[in-house]
């Protein structure tokens, strides 16, 4: 896993986040990084994150993997938290999190809901 993600997880622990929360965030970020590296065909680099990456990951989670809206939204919240932290440490040039709007509850459609 990218060193910045490990640093972010350590930061969450210093903020006294519950161990279960840190575990879930770790899982969400690992899932995203695995997808990102497979899609981009290179090692994860937070400086290369784009709005489209979060949008595309959300689409894959929803359409291809059939993840529940709550699961997708939790993953997006984990990513937004990491992005805010990384932006504050100048690991990102801009906030890509705006592409990570959540999914509406209810049936998962084959397309991304308007956001």
PDB file of N, CA and C in Angstrom:
ATOM      1  N   UNK A   1       0.848  -1.178   0.000  1.00  0.00           N
ATOM      2  CA  UNK A   1       0.000   0.000   0.000  1.00  0.00           C
ATOM      3  C   UNK A   1       0.893   1.240   0.000  1.00  0.00           C
ATOM      4  N   UNK A   2       0.428   2.279  -0.656  1.00  0.00           N
ATOM      5  CA  UNK A   2       1.199   3.516  -0.756  1.00  0.00           C
ATOM      6  C   UNK A   2       1.489   4.069   0.643  1.00  0.00           C
ATOM      7  N   UNK A   3       2.697   4.565   0.863  1.00  0.00           N
ATOM      8  CA  UNK A   3       3.057   5.089   2.194  1.00  0.00           C
ATOM      9  C   UNK A   3       2.093   6.165   2.712  1.00  0.00           C
ATOM     10  N   UNK A   4       1.548   6.970   1.825  1.00  0.00           N
ATOM     11  CA  UNK A   4       0.642   8.020   2.286  1.00  0.00           C
ATOM     12  C   UNK A   4      -0.635   7.433   2.885  1.00  0.00           C
ATOM     13  N   UNK A   5      -1.063   6.297   2.393  1.00  0.00           N
ATOM     14  CA  UNK A   5      -2.259   5.662   2.951  1.00  0.00           C
ATOM     15  C   UNK A   5      -1.960   5.135   4.353  1.00  0.00           C
ATOM     16  N   UNK A   6      -0.794   4.535   4.510  1.00  0.00           N
ATOM     17  CA  UNK A   6      -0.397   4.076   5.847  1.00  0.00           C
ATOM     18  C   UNK A   6      -0.307   5.256   6.809  1.00  0.00           C
ATOM     19  N   UNK A   7       0.220   6.382   6.327  1.00  0.00           N
ATOM     20  CA  UNK A   7       0.315   7.583   7.167  1.00  0.00           C
ATOM     21  C   UNK A   7      -1.079   8.100   7.522  1.00  0.00           C
ATOM     22  N   UNK A   8      -1.997   8.055   6.563  1.00  0.00           N
ATOM     23  CA  UNK A   8      -3.363   8.493   6.826  1.00  0.00           C
ATOM     24  C   UNK A   8      -4.028   7.600   7.869  1.00  0.00           C
ATOM     25  N   UNK A   9      -3.833   6.293   7.750  1.00  0.00           N
ATOM     26  CA  UNK A   9      -4.418   5.370   8.725  1.00  0.00           C
ATOM     27  C   UNK A   9      -3.841   5.617  10.124  1.00  0.00           C
ATOM     28  N   UNK A  10      -2.544   5.897  10.189  1.00  0.00           N
ATOM     29  CA  UNK A  10      -1.923   6.230  11.477  1.00  0.00           C
ATOM     30  C   UNK A  10      -2.507   7.532  12.027  1.00  0.00           C
ATOM     31  N   UNK A  11      -2.752   8.490  11.140  1.00  0.00           N
ATOM     32  CA  UNK A  11      -3.377   9.749  11.537  1.00  0.00           C
ATOM     33  C   UNK A  11      -4.757   9.489  12.147  1.00  0.00           C
ATOM     34  N   UNK A  12      -5.539   8.613  11.514  1.00  0.00           N
ATOM     35  CA  UNK A  12      -6.860   8.284  12.049  1.00  0.00           C
ATOM     36  C   UNK A  12      -6.752   7.691  13.453  1.00  0.00           C
ATOM     37  N   UNK A  13      -5.728   6.879  13.671  1.00  0.00           N
ATOM     38  CA  UNK A  13      -5.541   6.289  14.992  1.00  0.00           C
ATOM     39  C   UNK A  13      -5.199   7.354  16.023  1.00  0.00           C
ATOM     40  N   UNK A  14      -4.416   8.355  15.624  1.00  0.00           N
ATOM     41  CA  UNK A  14      -4.087   9.431  16.565  1.00  0.00           C
ATOM     42  C   UNK A  14      -5.315  10.272  16.893  1.00  0.00           C
ATOM     43  N   UNK A  15      -6.283  10.256  15.995  1.00  0.00           N
ATOM     44  CA  UNK A  15      -7.550  10.968  16.229  1.00  0.00           C
ATOM     45  C   UNK A  15      -8.543  10.099  16.997  1.00  0.00           C
ATOM     46  N   UNK A  16      -8.045   8.973  17.488  1.00  0.00           N
ATOM     47  CA  UNK A  16      -8.827   8.041  18.304  1.00  0.00           C
ATOM     48  C   UNK A  16     -10.051   7.467  17.582  1.00  0.00           C
ATOM     49  N   UNK A  17      -9.873   7.226  16.284  1.00  0.00           N
ATOM     50  CA  UNK A  17     -10.936   6.547  15.547  1.00  0.00           C
ATOM     51  C   UNK A  17     -10.981   5.101  16.014  1.00  0.00           C
ATOM     52  N   UNK A  18     -12.155   4.538  16.056  1.00  0.00           N
ATOM     53  CA  UNK A  18     -12.321   3.158  16.509  1.00  0.00           C
ATOM     54  C   UNK A  18     -11.527   2.222  15.602  1.00  0.00           C
ATOM     55  N   UNK A  19     -10.941   1.165  16.185  1.00  0.00           N
ATOM     56  CA  UNK A  19     -10.191   0.205  15.362  1.00  0.00           C
ATOM     57  C   UNK A  19     -11.019  -0.343  14.199  1.00  0.00           C
ATOM     58  N   UNK A  20     -12.309  -0.551  14.422  1.00  0.00           N
ATOM     59  CA  UNK A  20     -13.162  -1.058  13.337  1.00  0.00           C
ATOM     60  C   UNK A  20     -13.277  -0.031  12.215  1.00  0.00           C
ATOM     61  N   UNK A  21     -13.318   1.237  12.566  1.00  0.00           N
ATOM     62  CA  UNK A  21     -13.382   2.295  11.549  1.00  0.00           C
ATOM     63  C   UNK A  21     -12.110   2.311  10.723  1.00  0.00           C
ATOM     64  N   UNK A  22     -10.969   2.254  11.389  1.00  0.00           N
ATOM     65  CA  UNK A  22      -9.688   2.259  10.682  1.00  0.00           C
ATOM     66  C   UNK A  22      -9.585   1.032   9.769  1.00  0.00           C
ATOM     67  N   UNK A  23     -10.070  -0.102  10.240  1.00  0.00           N
ATOM     68  CA  UNK A  23     -10.047  -1.325   9.435  1.00  0.00           C
ATOM     69  C   UNK A  23     -10.896  -1.171   8.178  1.00  0.00           C
ATOM     70  N   UNK A  24     -12.076  -0.582   8.302  1.00  0.00           N
ATOM     71  CA  UNK A  24     -12.962  -0.389   7.156  1.00  0.00           C
ATOM     72  C   UNK A  24     -12.352   0.610   6.164  1.00  0.00           C
ATOM     73  N   UNK A  25     -11.777   1.690   6.677  1.00  0.00           N
ATOM     74  CA  UNK A  25     -11.142   2.676   5.806  1.00  0.00           C
ATOM     75  C   UNK A  25      -9.974   2.026   5.068  1.00  0.00           C
ATOM     76  N   UNK A  26      -9.181   1.224   5.764  1.00  0.00           N
ATOM     77  CA  UNK A  26      -8.076   0.511   5.128  1.00  0.00           C
ATOM     78  C   UNK A  26      -8.596  -0.361   3.977  1.00  0.00           C
ATOM     79  N   UNK A  27      -9.669  -1.090   4.235  1.00  0.00           N
ATOM     80  CA  UNK A  27     -10.253  -1.963   3.214  1.00  0.00           C
ATOM     81  C   UNK A  27     -10.737  -1.144   2.016  1.00  0.00           C
ATOM     82  N   UNK A  28     -11.450  -0.052   2.287  1.00  0.00           N
ATOM     83  CA  UNK A  28     -11.958   0.784   1.203  1.00  0.00           C
ATOM     84  C   UNK A  28     -10.826   1.349   0.351  1.00  0.00           C
ATOM     85  N   UNK A  29      -9.800   1.870   1.002  1.00  0.00           N
ATOM     86  CA  UNK A  29      -8.682   2.461   0.263  1.00  0.00           C
ATOM     87  C   UNK A  29      -7.895   1.400  -0.494  1.00  0.00           C
ATOM     88  N   UNK A  30      -7.719   0.225   0.106  1.00  0.00           N
ATOM     89  CA  UNK A  30      -7.020  -0.863  -0.589  1.00  0.00           C
ATOM     90  C   UNK A  30      -7.801  -1.295  -1.830  1.00  0.00           C
ATOM     91  N   UNK A  31      -9.112  -1.372  -1.718  1.00  0.00           N
ATOM     92  CA  UNK A  31      -9.953  -1.740  -2.860  1.00  0.00           C
ATOM     93  C   UNK A  31      -9.806  -0.711  -3.977  1.00  0.00           C
ATOM     94  N   UNK A  32      -9.859   0.575  -3.604  1.00  0.00           N
ATOM     95  CA  UNK A  32      -9.705   1.632  -4.599  1.00  0.00           C
ATOM     96  C   UNK A  32      -8.333   1.571  -5.260  1.00  0.00           C
ATOM     97  N   UNK A  33      -7.280   1.437  -4.465  1.00  0.00           N
ATOM     98  CA  UNK A  33      -5.919   1.413  -5.018  1.00  0.00           C
ATOM     99  C   UNK A  33      -5.740   0.225  -5.963  1.00  0.00           C
ATOM    100  N   UNK A  34      -6.258  -0.925  -5.589  1.00  0.00           N
ATOM    101  CA  UNK A  34      -6.167  -2.104  -6.461  1.00  0.00           C
ATOM    102  C   UNK A  34      -6.862  -1.829  -7.791  1.00  0.00           C
ATOM    103  N   UNK A  35      -8.059  -1.245  -7.730  1.00  0.00           N
ATOM    104  CA  UNK A  35      -8.780  -0.895  -8.951  1.00  0.00           C
ATOM    105  C   UNK A  35      -7.991   0.133  -9.748  1.00  0.00           C
ATOM    106  N   UNK A  36      -7.492   1.183  -9.089  1.00  0.00           N
ATOM    107  CA  UNK A  36      -6.772   2.270  -9.751  1.00  0.00           C
ATOM    108  C   UNK A  36      -5.530   1.744 -10.471  1.00  0.00           C
ATOM    109  N   UNK A  37      -4.767   0.913  -9.781  1.00  0.00           N
ATOM    110  CA  UNK A  37      -3.549   0.368 -10.390  1.00  0.00           C
ATOM    111  C   UNK A  37      -3.882  -0.541 -11.576  1.00  0.00           C
ATOM    112  N   UNK A  38      -4.951  -1.317 -11.468  1.00  0.00           N
ATOM    113  CA  UNK A  38      -5.360  -2.169 -12.580  1.00  0.00           C
ATOM    114  C   UNK A  38      -5.848  -1.366 -13.765  1.00  0.00           C
ATOM    115  N   UNK A  39      -6.530  -0.281 -13.494  1.00  0.00           N
ATOM    116  CA  UNK A  39      -7.052   0.575 -14.558  1.00  0.00           C
ATOM    117  C   UNK A  39      -5.950   1.417 -15.183  1.00  0.00           C
ATOM    118  N   UNK A  40      -5.122   1.996 -14.348  1.00  0.00           N
ATOM    119  CA  UNK A  40      -4.058   2.890 -14.818  1.00  0.00           C
ATOM    120  C   UNK A  40      -2.794   2.143 -15.265  1.00  0.00           C
ATOM    121  N   UNK A  41      -2.690   0.894 -14.846  1.00  0.00           N
ATOM    122  CA  UNK A  41      -1.528   0.055 -15.189  1.00  0.00           C
ATOM    123  C   UNK A  41      -0.207   0.676 -14.728  1.00  0.00           C
ATOM    124  N   UNK A  42      -0.256   1.199 -13.502  1.00  0.00           N
ATOM    125  CA  UNK A  42       0.947   1.728 -12.853  1.00  0.00           C
ATOM    126  C   UNK A  42       0.709   1.787 -11.357  1.00  0.00           C
ATOM    127  N   UNK A  43       1.779   2.023 -10.629  1.00  0.00           N
ATOM    128  CA  UNK A  43       1.704   2.096  -9.174  1.00  0.00           C
ATOM    129  C   UNK A  43       0.912   3.331  -8.758  1.00  0.00           C
ATOM    130  N   UNK A  44       0.099   3.160  -7.725  1.00  0.00           N
ATOM    131  CA  UNK A  44      -0.724   4.257  -7.222  1.00  0.00           C
ATOM    132  C   UNK A  44       0.125   5.453  -6.845  1.00  0.00           C
ATOM    133  N   UNK A  45      -0.332   6.625  -7.256  1.00  0.00           N
ATOM    134  CA  UNK A  45       0.321   7.885  -6.924  1.00  0.00           C
ATOM    135  C   UNK A  45      -0.781   8.897  -6.611  1.00  0.00           C
ATOM    136  N   UNK A  46      -0.895   9.341  -5.364  1.00  0.00           N
ATOM    137  CA  UNK A  46      -1.980  10.266  -5.028  1.00  0.00           C
ATOM    138  C   UNK A  46      -1.948  11.546  -5.851  1.00  0.00           C
ATOM    139  N   UNK A  47      -0.778  11.972  -6.285  1.00  0.00           N
ATOM    140  CA  UNK A  47      -0.684  13.201  -7.080  1.00  0.00           C
ATOM    141  C   UNK A  47      -1.379  13.053  -8.432  1.00  0.00           C
ATOM    142  N   UNK A  48      -1.628  11.822  -8.844  1.00  0.00           N
ATOM    143  CA  UNK A  48      -2.264  11.573 -10.137  1.00  0.00           C
ATOM    144  C   UNK A  48      -3.778  11.371 -10.046  1.00  0.00           C
ATOM    145  N   UNK A  49      -4.340  11.453  -8.837  1.00  0.00           N
ATOM    146  CA  UNK A  49      -5.778  11.260  -8.689  1.00  0.00           C
ATOM    147  C   UNK A  49      -6.551  12.366  -9.403  1.00  0.00           C
ATOM    148  N   UNK A  50      -7.623  11.952 -10.073  1.00  0.00           N
ATOM    149  CA  UNK A  50      -8.472  12.897 -10.785  1.00  0.00           C
ATOM    150  C   UNK A  50      -9.920  12.692 -10.368  1.00  0.00           C
ATOM    151  N   UNK A  51     -10.704  13.695 -10.604  1.00  0.00           N
ATOM    152  CA  UNK A  51     -12.148  13.641 -10.376  1.00  0.00           C
ATOM    153  C   UNK A  51     -12.732  12.403 -11.060  1.00  0.00           C
ATOM    154  N   UNK A  52     -12.292  12.141 -12.270  1.00  0.00           N
ATOM    155  CA  UNK A  52     -12.814  11.010 -13.053  1.00  0.00           C
ATOM    156  C   UNK A  52     -12.519   9.667 -12.402  1.00  0.00           C
ATOM    157  N   UNK A  53     -11.424   9.575 -11.660  1.00  0.00           N
ATOM    158  CA  UNK A  53     -11.088   8.307 -11.004  1.00  0.00           C
ATOM    159  C   UNK A  53     -12.153   7.925  -9.980  1.00  0.00           C
ATOM    160  N   UNK A  54     -12.579   8.872  -9.175  1.00  0.00           N
ATOM    161  CA  UNK A  54     -13.608   8.590  -8.175  1.00  0.00           C
ATOM    162  C   UNK A  54     -14.938   8.280  -8.841  1.00  0.00           C
ATOM    163  N   UNK A  55     -15.254   9.032  -9.874  1.00  0.00           N
ATOM    164  CA  UNK A  55     -16.500   8.795 -10.616  1.00  0.00           C
ATOM    165  C   UNK A  55     -16.483   7.407 -11.255  1.00  0.00           C
ATOM    166  N   UNK A  56     -15.371   7.057 -11.906  1.00  0.00           N
ATOM    167  CA  UNK A  56     -15.281   5.763 -12.586  1.00  0.00           C
ATOM    168  C   UNK A  56     -15.304   4.606 -11.597  1.00  0.00           C
ATOM    169  N   UNK A  57     -14.629   4.778 -10.444  1.00  0.00           N
ATOM    170  CA  UNK A  57     -14.642   3.728  -9.428  1.00  0.00           C
ATOM    171  C   UNK A  57     -16.051   3.517  -8.900  1.00  0.00           C
ATOM    172  N   UNK A  58     -16.764   4.615  -8.677  1.00  0.00           N
ATOM    173  CA  UNK A  58     -18.148   4.517  -8.228  1.00  0.00           C
ATOM    174  C   UNK A  58     -18.978   3.743  -9.249  1.00  0.00           C
ATOM    175  N   UNK A  59     -18.782   4.026 -10.527  1.00  0.00           N
ATOM    176  CA  UNK A  59     -19.527   3.340 -11.582  1.00  0.00           C
ATOM    177  C   UNK A  59     -19.228   1.846 -11.579  1.00  0.00           C
ATOM    178  N   UNK A  60     -17.957   1.488 -11.476  1.00  0.00           N
ATOM    179  CA  UNK A  60     -17.572   0.075 -11.457  1.00  0.00           C
ATOM    180  C   UNK A  60     -18.169  -0.625 -10.243  1.00  0.00           C
ATOM    181  N   UNK A  61     -18.085   0.005  -9.086  1.00  0.00           N
ATOM    182  CA  UNK A  61     -18.649  -0.595  -7.865  1.00  0.00           C
ATOM    183  C   UNK A  61     -20.144  -0.834  -8.027  1.00  0.00           C
ATOM    184  N   UNK A  62     -20.812   0.110  -8.641  1.00  0.00           N
ATOM    185  CA  UNK A  62     -22.263   0.024  -8.775  1.00  0.00           C
ATOM    186  C   UNK A  62     -22.660  -0.931  -9.897  1.00  0.00           C
ATOM    187  N   UNK A  63     -22.178  -0.706 -11.082  1.00  0.00           N
ATOM    188  CA  UNK A  63     -22.630  -1.444 -12.258  1.00  0.00           C
ATOM    189  C   UNK A  63     -22.016  -2.830 -12.355  1.00  0.00           C
ATOM    190  N   UNK A  64     -20.706  -2.925 -12.206  1.00  0.00           N
ATOM    191  CA  UNK A  64     -20.010  -4.190 -12.447  1.00  0.00           C
ATOM    192  C   UNK A  64     -19.962  -5.091 -11.224  1.00  0.00           C
ATOM    193  N   UNK A  65     -19.801  -4.496 -10.045  1.00  0.00           N
ATOM    194  CA  UNK A  65     -19.661  -5.289  -8.830  1.00  0.00           C
ATOM    195  C   UNK A  65     -20.970  -5.442  -8.064  1.00  0.00           C
ATOM    196  N   UNK A  66     -21.954  -4.631  -8.390  1.00  0.00           N
ATOM    197  CA  UNK A  66     -23.247  -4.724  -7.726  1.00  0.00           C
ATOM    198  C   UNK A  66     -23.213  -4.366  -6.251  1.00  0.00           C
ATOM    199  N   UNK A  67     -22.284  -3.512  -5.872  1.00  0.00           N
ATOM    200  CA  UNK A  67     -22.190  -3.108  -4.464  1.00  0.00           C
ATOM    201  C   UNK A  67     -23.420  -2.287  -4.081  1.00  0.00           C
ATOM    202  N   UNK A  68     -23.818  -2.436  -2.842  1.00  0.00           N
ATOM    203  CA  UNK A  68     -24.965  -1.690  -2.320  1.00  0.00           C
ATOM    204  C   UNK A  68     -24.628  -0.201  -2.248  1.00  0.00           C
ATOM    205  N   UNK A  69     -25.626   0.665  -2.427  1.00  0.00           N
ATOM    206  CA  UNK A  69     -25.369   2.108  -2.323  1.00  0.00           C
ATOM    207  C   UNK A  69     -24.668   2.500  -1.026  1.00  0.00           C
ATOM    208  N   UNK A  70     -25.053   1.903   0.090  1.00  0.00           N
ATOM    209  CA  UNK A  70     -24.411   2.246   1.367  1.00  0.00           C
ATOM    210  C   UNK A  70     -22.927   1.875   1.354  1.00  0.00           C
ATOM    211  N   UNK A  71     -22.589   0.766   0.733  1.00  0.00           N
ATOM    212  CA  UNK A  71     -21.188   0.338   0.638  1.00  0.00           C
ATOM    213  C   UNK A  71     -20.396   1.292  -0.240  1.00  0.00           C
ATOM    214  N   UNK A  72     -20.990   1.695  -1.348  1.00  0.00           N
ATOM    215  CA  UNK A  72     -20.331   2.643  -2.256  1.00  0.00           C
ATOM    216  C   UNK A  72     -20.130   3.977  -1.554  1.00  0.00           C
ATOM    217  N   UNK A  73     -21.158   4.444  -0.883  1.00  0.00           N
ATOM    218  CA  UNK A  73     -21.056   5.733  -0.191  1.00  0.00           C
ATOM    219  C   UNK A  73     -20.013   5.706   0.918  1.00  0.00           C
ATOM    220  N   UNK A  74     -19.932   4.587   1.631  1.00  0.00           N
ATOM    221  CA  UNK A  74     -18.904   4.458   2.674  1.00  0.00           C
ATOM    222  C   UNK A  74     -17.518   4.526   2.045  1.00  0.00           C
ATOM    223  N   UNK A  75     -17.320   3.813   0.936  1.00  0.00           N
ATOM    224  CA  UNK A  75     -16.032   3.843   0.250  1.00  0.00           C
ATOM    225  C   UNK A  75     -15.676   5.239  -0.236  1.00  0.00           C
ATOM    226  N   UNK A  76     -16.660   5.938  -0.779  1.00  0.00           N
ATOM    227  CA  UNK A  76     -16.422   7.304  -1.234  1.00  0.00           C
ATOM    228  C   UNK A  76     -16.089   8.225  -0.062  1.00  0.00           C
ATOM    229  N   UNK A  77     -16.744   8.020   1.071  1.00  0.00           N
ATOM    230  CA  UNK A  77     -16.430   8.825   2.264  1.00  0.00           C
ATOM    231  C   UNK A  77     -14.994   8.560   2.717  1.00  0.00           C
ATOM    232  N   UNK A  78     -14.572   7.307   2.660  1.00  0.00           N
ATOM    233  CA  UNK A  78     -13.182   6.974   3.011  1.00  0.00           C
ATOM    234  C   UNK A  78     -12.215   7.677   2.070  1.00  0.00           C
ATOM    235  N   UNK A  79     -12.528   7.663   0.781  1.00  0.00           N
ATOM    236  CA  UNK A  79     -11.668   8.319  -0.212  1.00  0.00           C
ATOM    237  C   UNK A  79     -11.640   9.832  -0.025  1.00  0.00           C
ATOM    238  N   UNK A  80     -12.799  10.426   0.240  1.00  0.00           N
ATOM    239  CA  UNK A  80     -12.835  11.870   0.458  1.00  0.00           C
ATOM    240  C   UNK A  80     -12.017  12.263   1.680  1.00  0.00           C
ATOM    241  N   UNK A  81     -12.104  11.474   2.738  1.00  0.00           N
ATOM    242  CA  UNK A  81     -11.306  11.749   3.930  1.00  0.00           C
ATOM    243  C   UNK A  81      -9.818  11.688   3.628  1.00  0.00           C
ATOM    244  N   UNK A  82      -9.410  10.650   2.911  1.00  0.00           N
ATOM    245  CA  UNK A  82      -8.001  10.514   2.521  1.00  0.00           C
ATOM    246  C   UNK A  82      -7.585  11.701   1.649  1.00  0.00           C
ATOM    247  N   UNK A  83      -8.422  12.081   0.687  1.00  0.00           N
ATOM    248  CA  UNK A  83      -8.079  13.180  -0.214  1.00  0.00           C
ATOM    249  C   UNK A  83      -7.940  14.500   0.525  1.00  0.00           C
ATOM    250  N   UNK A  84      -8.844  14.775   1.473  1.00  0.00           N
ATOM    251  CA  UNK A  84      -8.727  16.006   2.271  1.00  0.00           C
ATOM    252  C   UNK A  84      -7.416  16.017   3.051  1.00  0.00           C
ATOM    253  N   UNK A  85      -7.091  14.864   3.665  1.00  0.00           N
ATOM    254  CA  UNK A  85      -5.858  14.751   4.435  1.00  0.00           C
ATOM    255  C   UNK A  85      -4.647  14.949   3.518  1.00  0.00           C
ATOM    256  N   UNK A  86      -4.665  14.300   2.349  1.00  0.00           N
ATOM    257  CA  UNK A  86      -3.539  14.387   1.408  1.00  0.00           C
ATOM    258  C   UNK A  86      -3.395  15.800   0.843  1.00  0.00           C
ATOM    259  N   UNK A  87      -4.507  16.462   0.595  1.00  0.00           N
ATOM    260  CA  UNK A  87      -4.470  17.833   0.093  1.00  0.00           C
ATOM    261  C   UNK A  87      -3.829  18.764   1.120  1.00  0.00           C
ATOM    262  N   UNK A  88      -4.167  18.588   2.389  1.00  0.00           N
ATOM    263  CA  UNK A  88      -3.599  19.415   3.452  1.00  0.00           C
ATOM    264  C   UNK A  88      -2.089  19.205   3.588  1.00  0.00           C
ATOM    265  N   UNK A  89      -1.596  18.053   3.143  1.00  0.00           N
ATOM    266  CA  UNK A  89      -0.164  17.745   3.216  1.00  0.00           C
ATOM    267  C   UNK A  89       0.534  17.913   1.874  1.00  0.00           C
ATOM    268  N   UNK A  90      -0.155  18.560   0.943  1.00  0.00           N
ATOM    269  CA  UNK A  90       0.380  18.878  -0.377  1.00  0.00           C
ATOM    270  C   UNK A  90       0.761  17.644  -1.188  1.00  0.00           C
ATOM    271  N   UNK A  91       0.041  16.543  -0.959  1.00  0.00           N
ATOM    272  CA  UNK A  91       0.242  15.335  -1.756  1.00  0.00           C
ATOM    273  C   UNK A  91      -0.657  15.355  -2.997  1.00  0.00           C
ATOM    274  N   UNK A  92      -1.650  16.229  -2.964  1.00  0.00           N
ATOM    275  CA  UNK A  92      -2.562  16.431  -4.089  1.00  0.00           C
ATOM    276  C   UNK A  92      -2.520  17.898  -4.482  1.00  0.00           C
ATOM    277  N   UNK A  93      -2.647  18.159  -5.776  1.00  0.00           N
ATOM    278  CA  UNK A  93      -2.689  19.545  -6.246  1.00  0.00           C
ATOM    279  C   UNK A  93      -4.080  20.138  -6.074  1.00  0.00           C
ATOM    280  N   UNK A  94      -5.104  19.286  -6.167  1.00  0.00           N
ATOM    281  CA  UNK A  94      -6.482  19.747  -6.013  1.00  0.00           C
ATOM    282  C   UNK A  94      -7.322  18.609  -5.459  1.00  0.00           C
ATOM    283  N   UNK A  95      -8.498  18.936  -4.996  1.00  0.00           N
ATOM    284  CA  UNK A  95      -9.399  17.964  -4.387  1.00  0.00           C
ATOM    285  C   UNK A  95     -10.155  17.197  -5.470  1.00  0.00           C
ATOM    286  N   UNK A  96      -9.865  15.892  -5.661  1.00  0.00           N
ATOM    287  CA  UNK A  96     -10.618  15.122  -6.651  1.00  0.00           C
ATOM    288  C   UNK A  96     -11.944  14.624  -6.105  1.00  0.00           C
ATOM    289  N   UNK A  97     -12.198  14.828  -4.826  1.00  0.00           N
ATOM    290  CA  UNK A  97     -13.360  14.260  -4.173  1.00  0.00           C
ATOM    291  C   UNK A  97     -14.708  14.707  -4.709  1.00  0.00           C
ATOM    292  N   UNK A  98     -14.760  15.807  -5.460  1.00  0.00           N
ATOM    293  CA  UNK A  98     -16.041  16.260  -5.970  1.00  0.00           C
ATOM    294  C   UNK A  98     -16.657  15.268  -6.942  1.00  0.00           C
ATOM    295  N   UNK A  99     -15.865  14.376  -7.504  1.00  0.00           N
ATOM    296  CA  UNK A  99     -16.396  13.360  -8.409  1.00  0.00           C
ATOM    297  C   UNK A  99     -16.978  12.191  -7.664  1.00  0.00           C
ATOM    298  N   UNK A 100     -16.845  12.182  -6.352  1.00  0.00           N
ATOM    299  CA  UNK A 100     -17.294  11.046  -5.579  1.00  0.00           C
ATOM    300  C   UNK A 100     -18.636  11.245  -4.924  1.00  0.00           C
ATOM    301  N   UNK A 101     -19.549  11.886  -5.620  1.00  0.00           N
ATOM    302  CA  UNK A 101     -20.889  12.044  -5.056  1.00  0.00           C
ATOM    303  C   UNK A 101     -21.481  10.675  -4.817  1.00  0.00           C
ATOM    304  N   UNK A 102     -22.245  10.557  -3.786  1.00  0.00           N
ATOM    305  CA  UNK A 102     -22.792   9.265  -3.401  1.00  0.00           C
ATOM    306  C   UNK A 102     -23.888   8.758  -4.312  1.00  0.00           C
ATOM    307  N   UNK A 103     -24.316   7.562  -4.007  1.00  0.00           N
ATOM    308  CA  UNK A 103     -25.407   6.921  -4.739  1.00  0.00           C
ATOM    309  C   UNK A 103     -26.673   7.043  -3.904  1.00  0.00           C
ATOM    310  N   UNK A 104     -27.765   7.183  -4.585  1.00  0.00           N
ATOM    311  CA  UNK A 104     -29.046   7.205  -3.887  1.00  0.00           C
ATOM    312  C   UNK A 104     -29.366   5.798  -3.387  1.00  0.00           C
ATOM    313  N   UNK A 105     -30.055   5.714  -2.261  1.00  0.00           N
ATOM    314  CA  UNK A 105     -30.499   4.414  -1.786  1.00  0.00           C
ATOM    315  C   UNK A 105     -31.545   3.865  -2.744  1.00  0.00           C
ATOM    316  N   UNK A 106     -31.697   2.563  -2.710  1.00  0.00           N
ATOM    317  CA  UNK A 106     -32.690   1.932  -3.563  1.00  0.00           C
ATOM    318  C   UNK A 106     -32.030   1.039  -4.581  1.00  0.00           C
ATOM    319  N   UNK A 107     -32.773   0.702  -5.598  1.00  0.00           N
ATOM    320  CA  UNK A 107     -32.275  -0.226  -6.612  1.00  0.00           C
ATOM    321  C   UNK A 107     -31.065   0.383  -7.319  1.00  0.00           C
ATOM    322  N   UNK A 108     -30.102  -0.456  -7.598  1.00  0.00           N
ATOM    323  CA  UNK A 108     -28.899  -0.025  -8.305  1.00  0.00           C
ATOM    324  C   UNK A 108     -29.178  -0.127  -9.793  1.00  0.00           C
ATOM    325  N   UNK A 109     -29.062   0.979 -10.478  1.00  0.00           N
ATOM    326  CA  UNK A 109     -29.321   0.982 -11.914  1.00  0.00           C
ATOM    327  C   UNK A 109     -28.038   0.717 -12.666  1.00  0.00           C
ATOM    328  N   UNK A 110     -28.115   0.365 -13.939  1.00  0.00           N
ATOM    329  CA  UNK A 110     -26.901   0.102 -14.703  1.00  0.00           C
ATOM    330  C   UNK A 110     -26.139   1.368 -15.060  1.00  0.00           C
ATOM    331  N   UNK A 111     -26.686   2.529 -14.775  1.00  0.00           N
ATOM    332  CA  UNK A 111     -25.992   3.779 -15.042  1.00  0.00           C
ATOM    333  C   UNK A 111     -25.795   4.526 -13.742  1.00  0.00           C
ATOM    334  N   UNK A 112     -24.881   5.469 -13.769  1.00  0.00           N
ATOM    335  CA  UNK A 112     -24.602   6.280 -12.587  1.00  0.00           C
ATOM    336  C   UNK A 112     -25.734   7.270 -12.412  1.00  0.00           C
ATOM    337  N   UNK A 113     -26.285   7.378 -11.192  1.00  0.00           N
ATOM    338  CA  UNK A 113     -27.361   8.346 -10.990  1.00  0.00           C
ATOM    339  C   UNK A 113     -26.857   9.765 -11.205  1.00  0.00           C
ATOM    340  N   UNK A 114     -27.729  10.652 -11.674  1.00  0.00           N
ATOM    341  CA  UNK A 114     -27.299  12.042 -11.865  1.00  0.00           C
ATOM    342  C   UNK A 114     -26.805  12.614 -10.544  1.00  0.00           C
ATOM    343  N   UNK A 115     -25.790  13.447 -10.618  1.00  0.00           N
ATOM    344  CA  UNK A 115     -25.245  13.886  -9.369  1.00  0.00           C
ATOM    345  C   UNK A 115     -25.028  15.300  -9.251  1.00  0.00           C
TER     346      UNK A 115
END
